[in-house]
Amino acid sequence: KQWYQRRVAITAGIKNESMWFVSLLAMALSSWFIWKISDVFELAANYLGRNLSNGVKGATINAIGSSMPELFTTLIFLFVFQNEEGFASGLATTVGSAVFNILVIPALVILVVLVKSPTQIIQIKKKIIGRDVCFLL
């Protein structure tokens, strides 16, 4: 009986280690895929927005492209679960992405600017802050 318990423990350990390896491999491959596909997205965005200014192109084409993962995740959840759970999961994905975009990205940009040049003063106009707050609320 002791030999059997040891064998089961070793087998469970191998399964756990192999799952870690598969998870790490999946993360590495998905990161590589995203890196490569972003080059294709950049080429397509430049082609579609060839007659647009950078501001207009960023506010339209790039914004639509960056929102596609949330849309497809929501649709996949909705069609796989086909009930309230699917809708709630898709909604949670979209809200979580929005919170990340509103809070984390600006905070990281501010931290990078402060680390790169701590003596530089950043001037922000009240009008811009007010516009962004009204839009985001």
Protein backbone atom coordinates (compact mmCIF):
# COMPACT_ATOMS: atom_id res chain seq x y z
CA LYS A 1 0.00 0.00 0.00
CA GLN A 2 2.85 2.39 0.77
CA TRP A 3 4.42 1.72 -2.65
CA TYR A 4 1.10 2.53 -4.34
CA GLN A 5 0.72 5.81 -2.42
CA ARG A 6 4.24 6.86 -3.39
CA ARG A 7 3.52 6.03 -7.05
CA VAL A 8 0.29 8.07 -6.97
CA ALA A 9 2.13 11.03 -5.42
CA ILE A 10 4.86 10.88 -8.07
CA THR A 11 2.29 10.63 -10.86
CA ALA A 12 0.34 13.61 -9.46
CA GLY A 13 3.58 15.60 -9.26
CA ILE A 14 4.41 14.81 -12.88
CA LYS A 15 0.93 15.86 -13.98
CA ASN A 16 1.22 19.15 -12.06
CA GLU A 17 4.66 19.86 -13.53
CA SER A 18 3.47 19.05 -17.03
CA MET A 19 0.49 21.38 -16.58
CA TRP A 20 2.85 24.17 -15.53
CA PHE A 21 4.96 23.51 -18.60
CA VAL A 22 1.92 23.50 -20.89
CA SER A 23 0.69 26.75 -19.29
CA LEU A 24 4.07 28.45 -19.71
CA LEU A 25 4.31 27.22 -23.29
CA ALA A 26 0.81 28.54 -24.04
CA MET A 27 1.68 31.95 -22.56
CA ALA A 28 4.92 32.12 -24.54
CA LEU A 29 3.22 31.15 -27.80
CA SER A 30 0.33 33.57 -27.30
CA SER A 31 2.77 36.39 -26.51
CA TRP A 32 4.74 35.62 -29.65
CA PHE A 33 1.52 35.49 -31.69
CA ILE A 34 0.32 38.84 -30.33
CA TRP A 35 3.73 40.38 -31.05
CA LYS A 36 3.65 39.18 -34.67
CA ILE A 37 0.00 40.04 -35.26
CA SER A 38 0.56 43.58 -33.96
CA ASP A 39 2.91 44.20 -36.90
CA VAL A 40 0.13 43.15 -39.28
CA PHE A 41 -2.33 45.40 -37.45
CA GLU A 42 0.06 48.34 -37.74
CA LEU A 43 0.44 47.81 -41.49
CA ALA A 44 -3.33 47.55 -41.94
CA ALA A 45 -3.99 50.64 -39.80
CA ASN A 46 -1.43 52.63 -41.78
CA TYR A 47 -3.02 51.52 -45.05
CA LEU A 48 -6.59 52.27 -43.95
CA GLY A 49 -5.62 55.62 -42.45
CA ARG A 50 -3.20 56.71 -45.14
CA ASN A 51 -5.21 59.89 -45.84
CA LEU A 52 -5.95 60.66 -42.19
CA SER A 53 -3.95 62.62 -39.65
CA ASN A 54 -2.37 60.67 -36.80
CA GLY A 55 -4.91 61.99 -34.30
CA VAL A 56 -7.90 60.95 -36.37
CA LYS A 57 -6.35 57.59 -37.22
CA GLY A 58 -5.60 56.91 -33.56
CA ALA A 59 -9.09 57.90 -32.43
CA THR A 60 -10.84 55.74 -35.02
CA ILE A 61 -8.95 52.88 -36.61
CA ASN A 62 -6.57 52.13 -33.75
CA ALA A 63 -9.35 52.49 -31.15
CA ILE A 64 -11.55 50.02 -33.03
CA GLY A 65 -8.66 47.59 -33.40
CA SER A 66 -7.73 47.77 -29.74
CA SER A 67 -11.35 47.05 -28.73
CA MET A 68 -11.68 43.96 -30.91
CA PRO A 69 -10.35 41.52 -28.25
CA GLU A 70 -13.07 42.57 -25.81
CA LEU A 71 -15.74 42.26 -28.50
CA PHE A 72 -14.63 38.80 -29.57
CA THR A 73 -14.23 37.64 -25.96
CA THR A 74 -17.76 38.80 -25.19
CA LEU A 75 -19.17 37.08 -28.28
CA ILE A 76 -17.33 33.83 -27.52
CA PHE A 77 -18.57 33.85 -23.92
CA LEU A 78 -22.10 34.63 -25.06
CA PHE A 79 -22.24 31.90 -27.70
CA VAL A 80 -20.45 29.25 -25.62
CA PHE A 81 -22.50 29.68 -22.43
CA GLN A 82 -25.69 30.96 -24.14
CA ASN A 83 -27.12 32.29 -20.87
CA GLU A 84 -26.62 34.94 -18.20
CA GLU A 85 -23.17 33.59 -17.29
CA GLY A 86 -21.92 34.22 -20.82
CA PHE A 87 -23.30 37.73 -20.84
CA ALA A 88 -21.89 38.46 -17.36
CA SER A 89 -18.46 37.15 -18.34
CA GLY A 90 -18.39 39.28 -21.47
CA LEU A 91 -19.54 42.32 -19.55
CA ALA A 92 -16.89 41.71 -16.88
CA THR A 93 -14.21 41.49 -19.58
CA THR A 94 -15.27 44.80 -21.09
CA VAL A 95 -15.58 46.62 -17.75
CA GLY A 96 -12.26 45.21 -16.52
CA SER A 97 -10.55 46.38 -19.68
CA ALA A 98 -12.06 49.85 -19.32
CA VAL A 99 -10.94 50.13 -15.69
CA PHE A 100 -7.44 49.02 -16.69
CA ASN A 101 -7.34 51.57 -19.53
CA ILE A 102 -8.59 54.40 -17.31
CA LEU A 103 -6.50 53.74 -14.19
CA VAL A 104 -3.43 51.62 -14.87
CA ILE A 105 -2.19 52.93 -18.22
CA PRO A 106 -2.15 56.64 -17.23
CA ALA A 107 -0.54 55.76 -13.90
CA LEU A 108 2.23 53.81 -15.65
CA VAL A 109 2.81 56.67 -18.09
CA ILE A 110 3.13 59.13 -15.20
CA LEU A 111 5.54 56.82 -13.37
CA VAL A 112 7.72 56.38 -16.46
CA VAL A 113 7.86 60.13 -17.04
CA LEU A 114 8.75 60.75 -13.38
CA VAL A 115 11.47 58.08 -13.40
CA LYS A 116 13.00 59.21 -16.70
CA SER A 117 13.11 62.90 -15.82
CA PRO A 118 12.25 63.58 -12.16
CA THR A 119 13.10 67.30 -12.40
CA GLN A 120 10.82 67.98 -15.38
CA ILE A 121 7.57 69.73 -14.56
CA ILE A 122 4.49 68.43 -16.31
CA GLN A 123 1.83 71.07 -16.92
CA ILE A 124 -1.72 69.88 -17.42
CA LYS A 125 -4.51 72.29 -18.25
CA LYS A 126 -7.66 72.21 -16.12
CA LYS A 127 -9.77 72.24 -19.27
CA ILE A 128 -8.26 68.94 -20.43
CA ILE A 129 -8.73 67.28 -17.03
CA GLY A 130 -12.34 68.50 -16.88
CA ARG A 131 -13.07 67.22 -20.38
CA ASP A 132 -11.61 63.80 -19.64
CA VAL A 133 -13.40 63.48 -16.30
CA CYS A 134 -16.75 64.38 -17.88
CA PHE A 135 -16.17 61.95 -20.74
CA LEU A 136 -15.06 59.05 -18.55
CA LEU A 137 -17.86 59.45 -16.02
